[in-house]
Amino acid sequence: MTSPTAPGDEPERKSIPPAALVKEAARQPGGSVAEIDQTLISDPNGYIPAEAIRGVWKVDATGQLTGEFQPNPRYGPPQDDFTKLVSTDHFLHWLGDDPATAVRESVAEIVDQQVPGATVRWMKITDEPRFLTAGRQAPDDPESLIVTRAALAASFGIGVDSPSGRYDILWGVYSIAVVGLDRADRARSRAWFDLWTALDTAEEQLRTRITEVNLPS
């Protein structure tokens, strides 16, 4: 795959926009249309990382491209982004000291299991995760809760390289449930990898899934 030119090195653009955007502009009068670097995506109708957008072209009130172009400062090879996961105020210690790494490694393992030798080039959490926590009342403090189970569902976009050289961008929801959190190192977990699934759908499944993980004996 040809590496894109870095934003700062990109030559001065002409005022003639790509012909492929003309039809799209007609559907966006008074707005703008994005120019996508096709080498950075696998499906124009699928998930498109922000870095794959070269910039946007302005459209006039009649649906015509004006020739005015606003470059995207983030344009370039897609990078990991777990901001929406790690910036939450929700309790995440049950995922370890580095929740982002834990989730990424789990997803990479699942991808390798499904397609041996496949690797995750980049991963992004695309929406605020949904959480579910269960526990029991502390015997010596009625106002305290001892957390025994926890789960989350996080929507994602990932770039995957297969051993054959194929590059695909996948999207869906990664879910994980951990039980036995009150039993120190005897806790158990299970993960789910639901492609082409909406976050609301995966969240509805959490209540069932959190009970499917067997407690340690």
N, C-alpha and C. Protein backbone atom coordinates (compact mmCIF):
# COMPACT_ATOMS: atom_id res chain seq x y z
N MET A 1 0.85 -1.19 0.00
CA MET A 1 0.00 0.00 0.00
C MET A 1 0.88 1.24 0.00
N THR A 2 0.59 2.21 -0.81
CA THR A 2 1.37 3.44 -0.89
C THR A 2 1.07 4.33 0.31
N SER A 3 2.11 4.78 0.97
CA SER A 3 1.93 5.64 2.15
C SER A 3 1.50 7.02 1.69
N PRO A 4 0.54 7.64 2.40
CA PRO A 4 0.06 8.97 2.02
C PRO A 4 1.09 10.02 2.36
N THR A 5 0.99 11.15 1.70
CA THR A 5 1.86 12.27 2.01
C THR A 5 1.43 12.88 3.33
N ALA A 6 2.36 13.18 4.20
CA ALA A 6 2.04 13.79 5.49
C ALA A 6 1.42 15.16 5.24
N PRO A 7 0.49 15.59 6.13
CA PRO A 7 -0.21 16.87 5.93
C PRO A 7 0.72 18.03 5.69
N GLY A 8 1.81 18.11 6.43
CA GLY A 8 2.71 19.24 6.29
C GLY A 8 3.50 19.22 5.00
N ASP A 9 3.61 18.03 4.37
CA ASP A 9 4.38 17.89 3.14
C ASP A 9 3.51 17.92 1.90
N GLU A 10 2.20 17.98 2.09
CA GLU A 10 1.29 17.92 0.95
C GLU A 10 1.48 19.15 0.07
N PRO A 11 1.61 18.98 -1.25
CA PRO A 11 1.81 20.12 -2.15
C PRO A 11 0.56 21.00 -2.20
N GLU A 12 0.72 22.21 -2.66
CA GLU A 12 -0.40 23.14 -2.77
C GLU A 12 -1.45 22.56 -3.73
N ARG A 13 -2.69 22.55 -3.29
CA ARG A 13 -3.75 21.93 -4.07
C ARG A 13 -4.29 22.90 -5.12
N LYS A 14 -4.71 22.32 -6.23
CA LYS A 14 -5.36 23.12 -7.27
C LYS A 14 -6.80 23.37 -6.87
N SER A 15 -7.44 24.29 -7.53
CA SER A 15 -8.83 24.62 -7.20
C SER A 15 -9.81 23.71 -7.90
N ILE A 16 -9.30 22.67 -8.57
CA ILE A 16 -10.17 21.72 -9.27
C ILE A 16 -10.35 20.49 -8.39
N PRO A 17 -11.55 20.27 -7.84
CA PRO A 17 -11.78 19.12 -6.96
C PRO A 17 -11.93 17.83 -7.76
N PRO A 18 -11.81 16.68 -7.12
CA PRO A 18 -11.97 15.39 -7.79
C PRO A 18 -13.35 15.28 -8.44
N ALA A 19 -13.41 14.75 -9.65
CA ALA A 19 -14.67 14.64 -10.37
C ALA A 19 -15.67 13.76 -9.62
N ALA A 20 -15.16 12.78 -8.87
CA ALA A 20 -16.05 11.86 -8.17
C ALA A 20 -16.90 12.55 -7.12
N LEU A 21 -16.51 13.75 -6.70
CA LEU A 21 -17.25 14.46 -5.66
C LEU A 21 -18.36 15.34 -6.22
N VAL A 22 -18.40 15.49 -7.52
CA VAL A 22 -19.39 16.38 -8.14
C VAL A 22 -20.82 15.93 -7.82
N LYS A 23 -21.09 14.63 -8.00
CA LYS A 23 -22.45 14.13 -7.74
C LYS A 23 -22.81 14.25 -6.26
N GLU A 24 -21.84 13.98 -5.40
CA GLU A 24 -22.10 14.08 -3.97
C GLU A 24 -22.38 15.53 -3.58
N ALA A 25 -21.68 16.47 -4.20
CA ALA A 25 -21.90 17.88 -3.90
C ALA A 25 -23.32 18.30 -4.24
N ALA A 26 -23.87 17.75 -5.30
CA ALA A 26 -25.24 18.09 -5.71
C ALA A 26 -26.24 17.71 -4.64
N ARG A 27 -25.86 16.75 -3.80
CA ARG A 27 -26.77 16.31 -2.72
C ARG A 27 -26.52 17.08 -1.42
N GLN A 28 -25.52 17.98 -1.44
CA GLN A 28 -25.17 18.72 -0.22
C GLN A 28 -25.12 20.22 -0.46
N PRO A 29 -26.16 20.82 -1.04
CA PRO A 29 -26.12 22.27 -1.31
C PRO A 29 -25.90 23.07 -0.03
N GLY A 30 -24.97 24.00 -0.12
CA GLY A 30 -24.70 24.85 1.03
C GLY A 30 -23.84 24.19 2.09
N GLY A 31 -23.35 22.99 1.83
CA GLY A 31 -22.57 22.28 2.82
C GLY A 31 -21.15 22.01 2.36
N SER A 32 -20.70 20.78 2.55
CA SER A 32 -19.35 20.39 2.14
C SER A 32 -19.31 18.89 1.91
N VAL A 33 -18.30 18.45 1.17
CA VAL A 33 -18.11 17.02 0.92
C VAL A 33 -16.67 16.67 1.24
N ALA A 34 -16.48 15.46 1.75
CA ALA A 34 -15.15 15.02 2.16
C ALA A 34 -14.44 14.27 1.04
N GLU A 35 -13.16 14.53 0.92
CA GLU A 35 -12.33 13.79 -0.01
C GLU A 35 -11.60 12.70 0.78
N ILE A 36 -11.83 11.43 0.40
CA ILE A 36 -11.30 10.29 1.13
C ILE A 36 -10.09 9.71 0.41
N ASP A 37 -9.06 9.39 1.17
CA ASP A 37 -7.90 8.69 0.61
C ASP A 37 -8.26 7.21 0.53
N GLN A 38 -8.52 6.73 -0.67
CA GLN A 38 -8.98 5.37 -0.86
C GLN A 38 -7.95 4.32 -0.44
N THR A 39 -6.68 4.70 -0.35
CA THR A 39 -5.67 3.74 0.06
C THR A 39 -5.71 3.45 1.56
N LEU A 40 -6.46 4.27 2.30
CA LEU A 40 -6.52 4.10 3.75
C LEU A 40 -7.80 3.45 4.22
N ILE A 41 -8.67 3.06 3.31
CA ILE A 41 -9.92 2.40 3.68
C ILE A 41 -10.07 1.12 2.88
N SER A 42 -11.02 0.28 3.31
CA SER A 42 -11.27 -0.96 2.57
C SER A 42 -12.65 -0.98 1.94
N ASP A 43 -13.57 -0.16 2.46
CA ASP A 43 -14.94 -0.12 1.95
C ASP A 43 -15.46 1.31 2.08
N PRO A 44 -15.74 2.00 0.99
CA PRO A 44 -16.21 3.38 1.07
C PRO A 44 -17.55 3.51 1.78
N ASN A 45 -18.27 2.40 1.91
CA ASN A 45 -19.56 2.42 2.59
C ASN A 45 -19.45 1.93 4.04
N GLY A 46 -18.23 1.58 4.46
CA GLY A 46 -18.03 1.10 5.81
C GLY A 46 -17.51 2.17 6.73
N TYR A 47 -16.84 1.74 7.80
CA TYR A 47 -16.28 2.69 8.76
C TYR A 47 -15.07 3.38 8.15
N ILE A 48 -15.04 4.70 8.26
CA ILE A 48 -13.94 5.48 7.70
C ILE A 48 -13.26 6.24 8.84
N PRO A 49 -12.02 5.91 9.16
CA PRO A 49 -11.32 6.64 10.22
C PRO A 49 -11.09 8.08 9.82
N ALA A 50 -11.06 8.96 10.81
CA ALA A 50 -10.90 10.39 10.54
C ALA A 50 -9.63 10.70 9.77
N GLU A 51 -8.57 9.92 10.01
CA GLU A 51 -7.30 10.18 9.34
C GLU A 51 -7.33 9.91 7.84
N ALA A 52 -8.34 9.17 7.37
CA ALA A 52 -8.45 8.85 5.95
C ALA A 52 -9.05 9.99 5.14
N ILE A 53 -9.52 11.02 5.81
CA ILE A 53 -10.12 12.17 5.12
C ILE A 53 -9.03 13.20 4.82
N ARG A 54 -8.78 13.42 3.53
CA ARG A 54 -7.78 14.42 3.14
C ARG A 54 -8.21 15.83 3.55
N GLY A 55 -9.50 16.07 3.45
CA GLY A 55 -10.05 17.37 3.78
C GLY A 55 -11.45 17.48 3.20
N VAL A 56 -12.04 18.67 3.27
CA VAL A 56 -13.40 18.85 2.77
C VAL A 56 -13.44 19.98 1.75
N TRP A 57 -14.32 19.80 0.77
CA TRP A 57 -14.54 20.81 -0.28
C TRP A 57 -15.86 21.52 0.00
N LYS A 58 -15.85 22.82 -0.11
CA LYS A 58 -17.05 23.60 0.14
C LYS A 58 -18.00 23.51 -1.06
N VAL A 59 -19.31 23.46 -0.74
CA VAL A 59 -20.36 23.37 -1.77
C VAL A 59 -21.23 24.62 -1.67
N ASP A 60 -21.53 25.23 -2.81
CA ASP A 60 -22.36 26.44 -2.77
C ASP A 60 -23.84 26.09 -2.67
N ALA A 61 -24.68 27.10 -2.64
CA ALA A 61 -26.12 26.90 -2.43
C ALA A 61 -26.79 26.15 -3.57
N THR A 62 -26.15 26.09 -4.73
CA THR A 62 -26.74 25.38 -5.87
C THR A 62 -26.24 23.95 -5.98
N GLY A 63 -25.40 23.52 -5.04
CA GLY A 63 -24.87 22.16 -5.10
C GLY A 63 -23.64 22.02 -5.96
N GLN A 64 -22.96 23.14 -6.23
CA GLN A 64 -21.75 23.13 -7.03
C GLN A 64 -20.52 23.28 -6.12
N LEU A 65 -19.47 22.54 -6.46
CA LEU A 65 -18.23 22.66 -5.73
C LEU A 65 -17.59 24.03 -6.04
N THR A 66 -17.16 24.73 -5.00
CA THR A 66 -16.61 26.07 -5.18
C THR A 66 -15.12 26.05 -5.50
N GLY A 67 -14.45 24.94 -5.22
CA GLY A 67 -13.00 24.87 -5.39
C GLY A 67 -12.26 25.21 -4.10
N GLU A 68 -13.01 25.62 -3.07
CA GLU A 68 -12.40 25.93 -1.78
C GLU A 68 -12.19 24.64 -0.99
N PHE A 69 -10.97 24.41 -0.56
CA PHE A 69 -10.61 23.15 0.11
C PHE A 69 -10.04 23.43 1.49
N GLN A 70 -10.54 22.68 2.48
CA GLN A 70 -10.03 22.79 3.84
C GLN A 70 -9.32 21.48 4.20
N PRO A 71 -7.99 21.47 4.27
CA PRO A 71 -7.27 20.22 4.56
C PRO A 71 -7.53 19.73 5.98
N ASN A 72 -7.45 18.44 6.15
CA ASN A 72 -7.63 17.80 7.46
C ASN A 72 -6.27 17.69 8.14
N PRO A 73 -6.05 18.36 9.27
CA PRO A 73 -4.75 18.30 9.94
C PRO A 73 -4.41 16.91 10.47
N ARG A 74 -5.43 16.05 10.60
CA ARG A 74 -5.19 14.70 11.12
C ARG A 74 -4.94 13.68 10.01
N TYR A 75 -4.96 14.13 8.77
CA TYR A 75 -4.81 13.21 7.65
C TYR A 75 -3.49 12.43 7.71
N GLY A 76 -3.59 11.13 7.53
CA GLY A 76 -2.41 10.26 7.56
C GLY A 76 -2.82 8.86 7.98
N PRO A 77 -1.87 7.98 8.21
CA PRO A 77 -2.18 6.61 8.64
C PRO A 77 -3.00 6.61 9.93
N PRO A 78 -4.09 5.87 10.00
CA PRO A 78 -4.91 5.82 11.22
C PRO A 78 -4.11 5.35 12.43
N GLN A 79 -4.43 5.90 13.58
CA GLN A 79 -3.74 5.58 14.83
C GLN A 79 -4.74 5.06 15.86
N ASP A 80 -4.23 4.35 16.86
CA ASP A 80 -5.07 3.91 17.97
C ASP A 80 -5.69 5.12 18.66
N ASP A 81 -6.92 4.95 19.14
CA ASP A 81 -7.58 6.02 19.90
C ASP A 81 -8.54 5.37 20.89
N PHE A 82 -8.15 5.37 22.16
CA PHE A 82 -8.97 4.80 23.22
C PHE A 82 -9.48 5.88 24.17
N THR A 83 -9.51 7.11 23.69
CA THR A 83 -9.91 8.24 24.53
C THR A 83 -11.27 8.03 25.17
N LYS A 84 -12.23 7.55 24.40
CA LYS A 84 -13.59 7.40 24.92
C LYS A 84 -13.68 6.30 25.98
N LEU A 85 -12.70 5.41 26.01
CA LEU A 85 -12.67 4.38 27.05
C LEU A 85 -11.98 4.90 28.30
N VAL A 86 -10.79 5.44 28.16
CA VAL A 86 -9.99 5.79 29.34
C VAL A 86 -10.40 7.11 29.97
N SER A 87 -11.16 7.94 29.26
CA SER A 87 -11.57 9.23 29.83
C SER A 87 -12.84 9.12 30.66
N THR A 88 -13.45 7.96 30.69
CA THR A 88 -14.68 7.79 31.47
C THR A 88 -14.39 7.84 32.96
N ASP A 89 -15.37 8.27 33.74
CA ASP A 89 -15.24 8.30 35.19
C ASP A 89 -15.62 6.96 35.81
N HIS A 90 -16.01 6.02 34.96
CA HIS A 90 -16.46 4.73 35.46
C HIS A 90 -15.30 3.90 35.98
N PHE A 91 -15.56 3.07 36.98
CA PHE A 91 -14.56 2.19 37.58
C PHE A 91 -14.07 1.17 36.55
N LEU A 92 -12.76 1.19 36.27
CA LEU A 92 -12.20 0.30 35.26
C LEU A 92 -11.04 -0.56 35.77
N HIS A 93 -10.79 -0.52 37.05
CA HIS A 93 -9.65 -1.26 37.58
C HIS A 93 -9.76 -2.76 37.36
N TRP A 94 -10.96 -3.23 37.15
CA TRP A 94 -11.13 -4.66 36.91
C TRP A 94 -10.56 -5.09 35.56
N LEU A 95 -10.19 -4.11 34.72
CA LEU A 95 -9.53 -4.41 33.46
C LEU A 95 -8.01 -4.38 33.59
N GLY A 96 -7.51 -4.05 34.79
CA GLY A 96 -6.08 -3.97 35.00
C GLY A 96 -5.59 -2.54 35.05
N ASP A 97 -4.28 -2.39 35.15
CA ASP A 97 -3.69 -1.07 35.27
C ASP A 97 -3.77 -0.26 33.99
N ASP A 98 -3.88 -0.94 32.85
CA ASP A 98 -3.92 -0.27 31.54
C ASP A 98 -5.10 -0.82 30.74
N PRO A 99 -6.32 -0.27 30.97
CA PRO A 99 -7.52 -0.79 30.28
C PRO A 99 -7.41 -0.78 28.77
N ALA A 100 -6.81 0.26 28.19
CA ALA A 100 -6.71 0.35 26.74
C ALA A 100 -5.89 -0.81 26.18
N THR A 101 -4.75 -1.09 26.80
CA THR A 101 -3.91 -2.20 26.35
C THR A 101 -4.62 -3.53 26.53
N ALA A 102 -5.34 -3.68 27.64
CA ALA A 102 -6.05 -4.92 27.90
C ALA A 102 -7.09 -5.19 26.82
N VAL A 103 -7.85 -4.16 26.45
CA VAL A 103 -8.88 -4.32 25.43
C VAL A 103 -8.25 -4.59 24.07
N ARG A 104 -7.21 -3.85 23.73
CA ARG A 104 -6.57 -4.03 22.43
C ARG A 104 -5.98 -5.43 22.28
N GLU A 105 -5.31 -5.90 23.33
CA GLU A 105 -4.71 -7.24 23.27
C GLU A 105 -5.77 -8.32 23.17
N SER A 106 -6.89 -8.12 23.85
CA SER A 106 -7.98 -9.09 23.78
C SER A 106 -8.57 -9.15 22.37
N VAL A 107 -8.76 -7.98 21.76
CA VAL A 107 -9.29 -7.92 20.40
C VAL A 107 -8.30 -8.55 19.42
N ALA A 108 -7.02 -8.26 19.58
CA ALA A 108 -6.00 -8.84 18.71
C ALA A 108 -5.99 -10.36 18.80
N GLU A 109 -6.20 -10.88 20.00
CA GLU A 109 -6.24 -12.33 20.19
C GLU A 109 -7.44 -12.94 19.49
N ILE A 110 -8.59 -12.26 19.59
CA ILE A 110 -9.80 -12.77 18.94
C ILE A 110 -9.63 -12.76 17.42
N VAL A 111 -9.07 -11.69 16.89
CA VAL A 111 -8.84 -11.58 15.45
C VAL A 111 -7.92 -12.70 14.97
N ASP A 112 -6.86 -12.97 15.72
CA ASP A 112 -5.92 -14.02 15.36
C ASP A 112 -6.58 -15.40 15.42
N GLN A 113 -7.48 -15.59 16.37
CA GLN A 113 -8.19 -16.86 16.48
C GLN A 113 -9.12 -17.07 15.28
N GLN A 114 -9.75 -16.00 14.82
CA GLN A 114 -10.68 -16.12 13.71
C GLN A 114 -9.96 -16.27 12.38
N VAL A 115 -8.86 -15.55 12.22
CA VAL A 115 -8.03 -15.64 11.02
C VAL A 115 -6.58 -15.76 11.47
N PRO A 116 -6.08 -16.98 11.63
CA PRO A 116 -4.72 -17.18 12.13
C PRO A 116 -3.69 -16.36 11.37
N GLY A 117 -2.92 -15.61 12.13
CA GLY A 117 -1.89 -14.78 11.53
C GLY A 117 -2.32 -13.35 11.26
N ALA A 118 -3.61 -13.06 11.38
CA ALA A 118 -4.10 -11.69 11.16
C ALA A 118 -3.68 -10.80 12.33
N THR A 119 -3.38 -9.55 12.03
CA THR A 119 -2.95 -8.62 13.06
C THR A 119 -3.78 -7.33 13.01
N VAL A 120 -3.88 -6.68 14.15
CA VAL A 120 -4.61 -5.41 14.24
C VAL A 120 -3.63 -4.27 14.02
N ARG A 121 -3.86 -3.51 12.95
CA ARG A 121 -2.98 -2.39 12.63
C ARG A 121 -3.29 -1.19 13.52
N TRP A 122 -4.55 -0.93 13.74
CA TRP A 122 -4.99 0.16 14.61
C TRP A 122 -6.37 -0.16 15.15
N MET A 123 -6.74 0.49 16.24
CA MET A 123 -8.06 0.29 16.85
C MET A 123 -8.53 1.59 17.46
N LYS A 124 -9.83 1.87 17.30
CA LYS A 124 -10.44 3.06 17.88
C LYS A 124 -11.72 2.69 18.61
N ILE A 125 -11.92 3.24 19.79
CA ILE A 125 -13.21 3.16 20.48
C ILE A 125 -14.03 4.33 19.97
N THR A 126 -15.15 4.05 19.33
CA THR A 126 -15.86 5.08 18.57
C THR A 126 -17.02 5.75 19.30
N ASP A 127 -17.37 5.26 20.49
CA ASP A 127 -18.47 5.87 21.23
C ASP A 127 -18.23 5.63 22.71
N GLU A 128 -18.96 6.34 23.55
CA GLU A 128 -18.84 6.13 24.99
C GLU A 128 -19.28 4.70 25.33
N PRO A 129 -18.45 3.91 26.00
CA PRO A 129 -18.81 2.53 26.34
C PRO A 129 -20.02 2.48 27.27
N ARG A 130 -20.68 1.35 27.25
CA ARG A 130 -21.80 1.11 28.15
C ARG A 130 -21.33 0.13 29.23
N PHE A 131 -21.75 0.34 30.47
CA PHE A 131 -21.24 -0.45 31.59
C PHE A 131 -22.36 -1.13 32.35
N LEU A 132 -22.01 -2.21 33.03
CA LEU A 132 -22.94 -2.91 33.91
C LEU A 132 -22.12 -3.45 35.08
N THR A 133 -22.57 -3.13 36.29
CA THR A 133 -21.85 -3.56 37.49
C THR A 133 -22.84 -4.20 38.46
N ALA A 134 -22.41 -5.29 39.09
CA ALA A 134 -23.25 -5.98 40.08
C ALA A 134 -22.42 -6.26 41.33
N GLY A 135 -23.10 -6.38 42.45
CA GLY A 135 -22.36 -6.63 43.69
C GLY A 135 -23.28 -6.98 44.83
N ARG A 136 -22.71 -7.03 46.01
CA ARG A 136 -23.49 -7.33 47.20
C ARG A 136 -23.15 -6.33 48.29
N GLN A 137 -24.05 -6.20 49.21
CA GLN A 137 -23.88 -5.25 50.30
C GLN A 137 -22.76 -5.71 51.23
N ALA A 138 -21.92 -4.77 51.63
CA ALA A 138 -20.85 -5.10 52.56
C ALA A 138 -21.45 -5.41 53.93
N PRO A 139 -21.06 -6.53 54.56
CA PRO A 139 -21.67 -6.94 55.84
C PRO A 139 -21.45 -5.95 56.97
N ASP A 140 -20.32 -5.22 56.93
CA ASP A 140 -20.02 -4.30 58.01
C ASP A 140 -20.35 -2.85 57.69
N ASP A 141 -20.89 -2.63 56.46
CA ASP A 141 -21.23 -1.26 56.06
C ASP A 141 -22.38 -1.31 55.06
N PRO A 142 -23.61 -1.14 55.54
CA PRO A 142 -24.79 -1.24 54.67
C PRO A 142 -24.78 -0.27 53.49
N GLU A 143 -24.00 0.81 53.59
CA GLU A 143 -23.99 1.80 52.52
C GLU A 143 -22.92 1.50 51.47
N SER A 144 -22.13 0.46 51.68
CA SER A 144 -21.06 0.11 50.74
C SER A 144 -21.44 -1.12 49.93
N LEU A 145 -20.92 -1.18 48.71
CA LEU A 145 -21.19 -2.30 47.81
C LEU A 145 -19.88 -2.99 47.45
N ILE A 146 -19.87 -4.29 47.60
CA ILE A 146 -18.73 -5.09 47.18
C ILE A 146 -18.99 -5.53 45.74
N VAL A 147 -18.21 -5.04 44.80
CA VAL A 147 -18.41 -5.37 43.40
C VAL A 147 -17.99 -6.81 43.14
N THR A 148 -18.90 -7.58 42.57
CA THR A 148 -18.61 -8.99 42.27
C THR A 148 -18.56 -9.27 40.78
N ARG A 149 -19.29 -8.48 39.99
CA ARG A 149 -19.32 -8.67 38.54
C ARG A 149 -19.28 -7.30 37.86
N ALA A 150 -18.64 -7.25 36.71
CA ALA A 150 -18.60 -6.02 35.93
C ALA A 150 -18.52 -6.37 34.45
N ALA A 151 -19.07 -5.49 33.63
CA ALA A 151 -19.06 -5.73 32.19
C ALA A 151 -19.10 -4.41 31.45
N LEU A 152 -18.63 -4.44 30.22
CA LEU A 152 -18.73 -3.25 29.38
C LEU A 152 -18.93 -3.68 27.94
N ALA A 153 -19.53 -2.78 27.17
CA ALA A 153 -19.70 -2.96 25.73
C ALA A 153 -19.13 -1.70 25.08
N ALA A 154 -18.17 -1.88 24.18
CA ALA A 154 -17.50 -0.74 23.55
C ALA A 154 -17.52 -0.88 22.04
N SER A 155 -18.08 0.13 21.36
CA SER A 155 -18.08 0.11 19.90
C SER A 155 -16.68 0.42 19.40
N PHE A 156 -16.30 -0.20 18.30
CA PHE A 156 -14.94 -0.05 17.80
C PHE A 156 -14.88 0.02 16.29
N GLY A 157 -13.75 0.49 15.80
CA GLY A 157 -13.35 0.38 14.40
C GLY A 157 -11.92 -0.12 14.44
N ILE A 158 -11.57 -1.09 13.60
CA ILE A 158 -10.20 -1.62 13.60
C ILE A 158 -9.73 -1.84 12.16
N GLY A 159 -8.44 -1.67 11.96
CA GLY A 159 -7.82 -2.01 10.70
C GLY A 159 -7.09 -3.33 10.87
N VAL A 160 -7.38 -4.30 10.01
CA VAL A 160 -6.82 -5.65 10.15
C VAL A 160 -6.03 -6.05 8.91
N ASP A 161 -4.82 -6.54 9.14
CA ASP A 161 -3.99 -7.07 8.07
C ASP A 161 -4.01 -8.58 8.13
N SER A 162 -4.39 -9.23 7.03
CA SER A 162 -4.41 -10.69 6.98
C SER A 162 -3.11 -11.21 6.41
N PRO A 163 -2.77 -12.48 6.66
CA PRO A 163 -1.53 -13.05 6.14
C PRO A 163 -1.44 -13.00 4.61
N SER A 164 -2.58 -12.95 3.93
CA SER A 164 -2.59 -12.91 2.47
C SER A 164 -2.23 -11.53 1.93
N GLY A 165 -2.13 -10.54 2.82
CA GLY A 165 -1.83 -9.18 2.40
C GLY A 165 -3.06 -8.31 2.29
N ARG A 166 -4.21 -8.87 2.54
CA ARG A 166 -5.46 -8.10 2.47
C ARG A 166 -5.60 -7.20 3.69
N TYR A 167 -6.11 -6.01 3.45
CA TYR A 167 -6.36 -5.04 4.52
C TYR A 167 -7.85 -4.77 4.60
N ASP A 168 -8.43 -4.94 5.79
CA ASP A 168 -9.85 -4.73 5.99
C ASP A 168 -10.07 -3.81 7.18
N ILE A 169 -11.12 -3.01 7.09
CA ILE A 169 -11.56 -2.21 8.22
C ILE A 169 -12.87 -2.81 8.72
N LEU A 170 -12.88 -3.21 9.98
CA LEU A 170 -14.05 -3.83 10.59
C LEU A 170 -14.61 -2.91 11.67
N TRP A 171 -15.90 -3.04 11.92
CA TRP A 171 -16.50 -2.28 13.01
C TRP A 171 -17.53 -3.16 13.71
N GLY A 172 -17.82 -2.81 14.93
CA GLY A 172 -18.78 -3.59 15.71
C GLY A 172 -18.67 -3.21 17.18
N VAL A 173 -18.91 -4.20 18.05
CA VAL A 173 -18.87 -3.96 19.49
C VAL A 173 -18.06 -5.07 20.17
N TYR A 174 -17.14 -4.65 21.01
CA TYR A 174 -16.39 -5.58 21.84
C TYR A 174 -17.00 -5.52 23.24
N SER A 175 -17.35 -6.69 23.77
CA SER A 175 -17.92 -6.76 25.12
C SER A 175 -17.08 -7.70 25.97
N ILE A 176 -16.98 -7.39 27.24
CA ILE A 176 -16.26 -8.26 28.17
C ILE A 176 -16.97 -8.23 29.51
N ALA A 177 -17.05 -9.40 30.15
CA ALA A 177 -17.64 -9.51 31.48
C ALA A 177 -16.65 -10.24 32.38
N VAL A 178 -16.52 -9.75 33.61
CA VAL A 178 -15.63 -10.36 34.59
C VAL A 178 -16.45 -10.67 35.83
N VAL A 179 -16.30 -11.89 36.37
CA VAL A 179 -17.02 -12.28 37.58
C VAL A 179 -16.00 -12.73 38.63
N GLY A 180 -16.45 -12.75 39.87
CA GLY A 180 -15.55 -13.15 40.95
C GLY A 180 -14.55 -12.07 41.32
N LEU A 181 -14.94 -10.81 41.13
CA LEU A 181 -14.03 -9.72 41.45
C LEU A 181 -13.75 -9.62 42.95
N ASP A 182 -14.58 -10.23 43.74
CA ASP A 182 -14.39 -10.25 45.19
C ASP A 182 -13.53 -11.43 45.63
N ARG A 183 -13.01 -12.17 44.65
CA ARG A 183 -12.22 -13.36 44.98
C ARG A 183 -10.78 -13.23 44.49
N ALA A 184 -10.31 -12.01 44.47
CA ALA A 184 -8.91 -11.70 44.13
C ALA A 184 -8.49 -12.33 42.82
N ASP A 185 -7.46 -13.19 42.85
CA ASP A 185 -6.89 -13.73 41.61
C ASP A 185 -7.69 -14.89 41.03
N ARG A 186 -8.87 -15.15 41.56
CA ARG A 186 -9.70 -16.24 41.06
C ARG A 186 -10.81 -15.74 40.15
N ALA A 187 -10.77 -14.48 39.78
CA ALA A 187 -11.79 -13.93 38.90
C ALA A 187 -11.70 -14.56 37.51
N ARG A 188 -12.83 -14.58 36.82
CA ARG A 188 -12.89 -15.14 35.47
C ARG A 188 -13.54 -14.13 34.53
N SER A 189 -13.17 -14.21 33.27
CA SER A 189 -13.72 -13.27 32.30
C SER A 189 -14.07 -13.98 31.00
N ARG A 190 -14.91 -13.29 30.21
CA ARG A 190 -15.26 -13.78 28.88
C ARG A 190 -15.50 -12.58 27.98
N ALA A 191 -15.04 -12.67 26.74
CA ALA A 191 -15.20 -11.56 25.80
C ALA A 191 -16.04 -11.97 24.61
N TRP A 192 -16.72 -10.98 24.02
CA TRP A 192 -17.53 -11.18 22.82
C TRP A 192 -17.11 -10.17 21.77
N PHE A 193 -17.13 -10.59 20.52
CA PHE A 193 -16.68 -9.75 19.40
C PHE A 193 -17.79 -9.77 18.36
N ASP A 194 -18.66 -8.76 18.40
CA ASP A 194 -19.83 -8.73 17.54
C ASP A 194 -19.63 -7.75 16.39
N LEU A 195 -19.35 -8.29 15.20
CA LEU A 195 -19.16 -7.44 14.03
C LEU A 195 -20.49 -6.91 13.51
N TRP A 196 -20.46 -5.71 12.95
CA TRP A 196 -21.61 -5.07 12.31
C TRP A 196 -22.79 -5.00 13.28
N THR A 197 -22.52 -4.78 14.55
CA THR A 197 -23.55 -4.74 15.58
C THR A 197 -23.60 -3.35 16.22
N ALA A 198 -24.80 -2.84 16.44
CA ALA A 198 -24.97 -1.52 17.06
C ALA A 198 -24.71 -1.60 18.56
N LEU A 199 -24.23 -0.50 19.13
CA LEU A 199 -23.91 -0.48 20.55
C LEU A 199 -25.14 -0.72 21.42
N ASP A 200 -26.29 -0.17 21.03
CA ASP A 200 -27.51 -0.37 21.81
C ASP A 200 -27.87 -1.85 21.89
N THR A 201 -27.68 -2.56 20.80
CA THR A 201 -27.98 -4.00 20.78
C THR A 201 -27.06 -4.76 21.71
N ALA A 202 -25.77 -4.45 21.66
CA ALA A 202 -24.81 -5.13 22.52
C ALA A 202 -25.06 -4.81 24.00
N GLU A 203 -25.47 -3.58 24.27
CA GLU A 203 -25.74 -3.21 25.66
C GLU A 203 -26.90 -4.03 26.22
N GLU A 204 -27.91 -4.27 25.40
CA GLU A 204 -29.05 -5.07 25.85
C GLU A 204 -28.64 -6.50 26.20
N GLN A 205 -27.58 -6.99 25.55
CA GLN A 205 -27.13 -8.35 25.79
C GLN A 205 -26.26 -8.48 27.03
N LEU A 206 -25.79 -7.36 27.57
CA LEU A 206 -24.88 -7.43 28.71
C LEU A 206 -25.50 -8.11 29.93
N ARG A 207 -26.78 -7.82 30.18
CA ARG A 207 -27.42 -8.40 31.37
C ARG A 207 -27.44 -9.93 31.31
N THR A 208 -27.60 -10.46 30.12
CA THR A 208 -27.57 -11.91 29.97
C THR A 208 -26.14 -12.43 30.00
N ARG A 209 -25.28 -11.76 29.31
CA ARG A 209 -23.89 -12.21 29.19
C ARG A 209 -23.14 -12.20 30.51
N ILE A 210 -23.44 -11.23 31.35
CA ILE A 210 -22.72 -11.13 32.62
C ILE A 210 -23.05 -12.33 33.51
N THR A 211 -24.19 -12.99 33.24
CA THR A 211 -24.56 -14.17 34.03
C THR A 211 -24.07 -15.47 33.37
N GLU A 212 -23.58 -15.37 32.15
CA GLU A 212 -23.11 -16.57 31.45
C GLU A 212 -21.71 -16.99 31.86
N VAL A 213 -20.99 -16.09 32.49
CA VAL A 213 -19.64 -16.41 32.95
C VAL A 213 -19.74 -17.10 34.30
N ASN A 214 -19.21 -18.31 34.40
CA ASN A 214 -19.32 -19.08 35.62
C ASN A 214 -18.42 -18.53 36.71
N LEU A 215 -18.94 -18.52 37.92
CA LEU A 215 -18.16 -18.08 39.06
C LEU A 215 -17.06 -19.10 39.35
N PRO A 216 -15.89 -18.63 39.81
CA PRO A 216 -14.84 -19.59 40.19
C PRO A 216 -15.28 -20.43 41.36
N SER A 217 -14.93 -21.70 41.35
CA SER A 217 -15.36 -22.62 42.42
C SER A 217 -14.49 -22.44 43.65
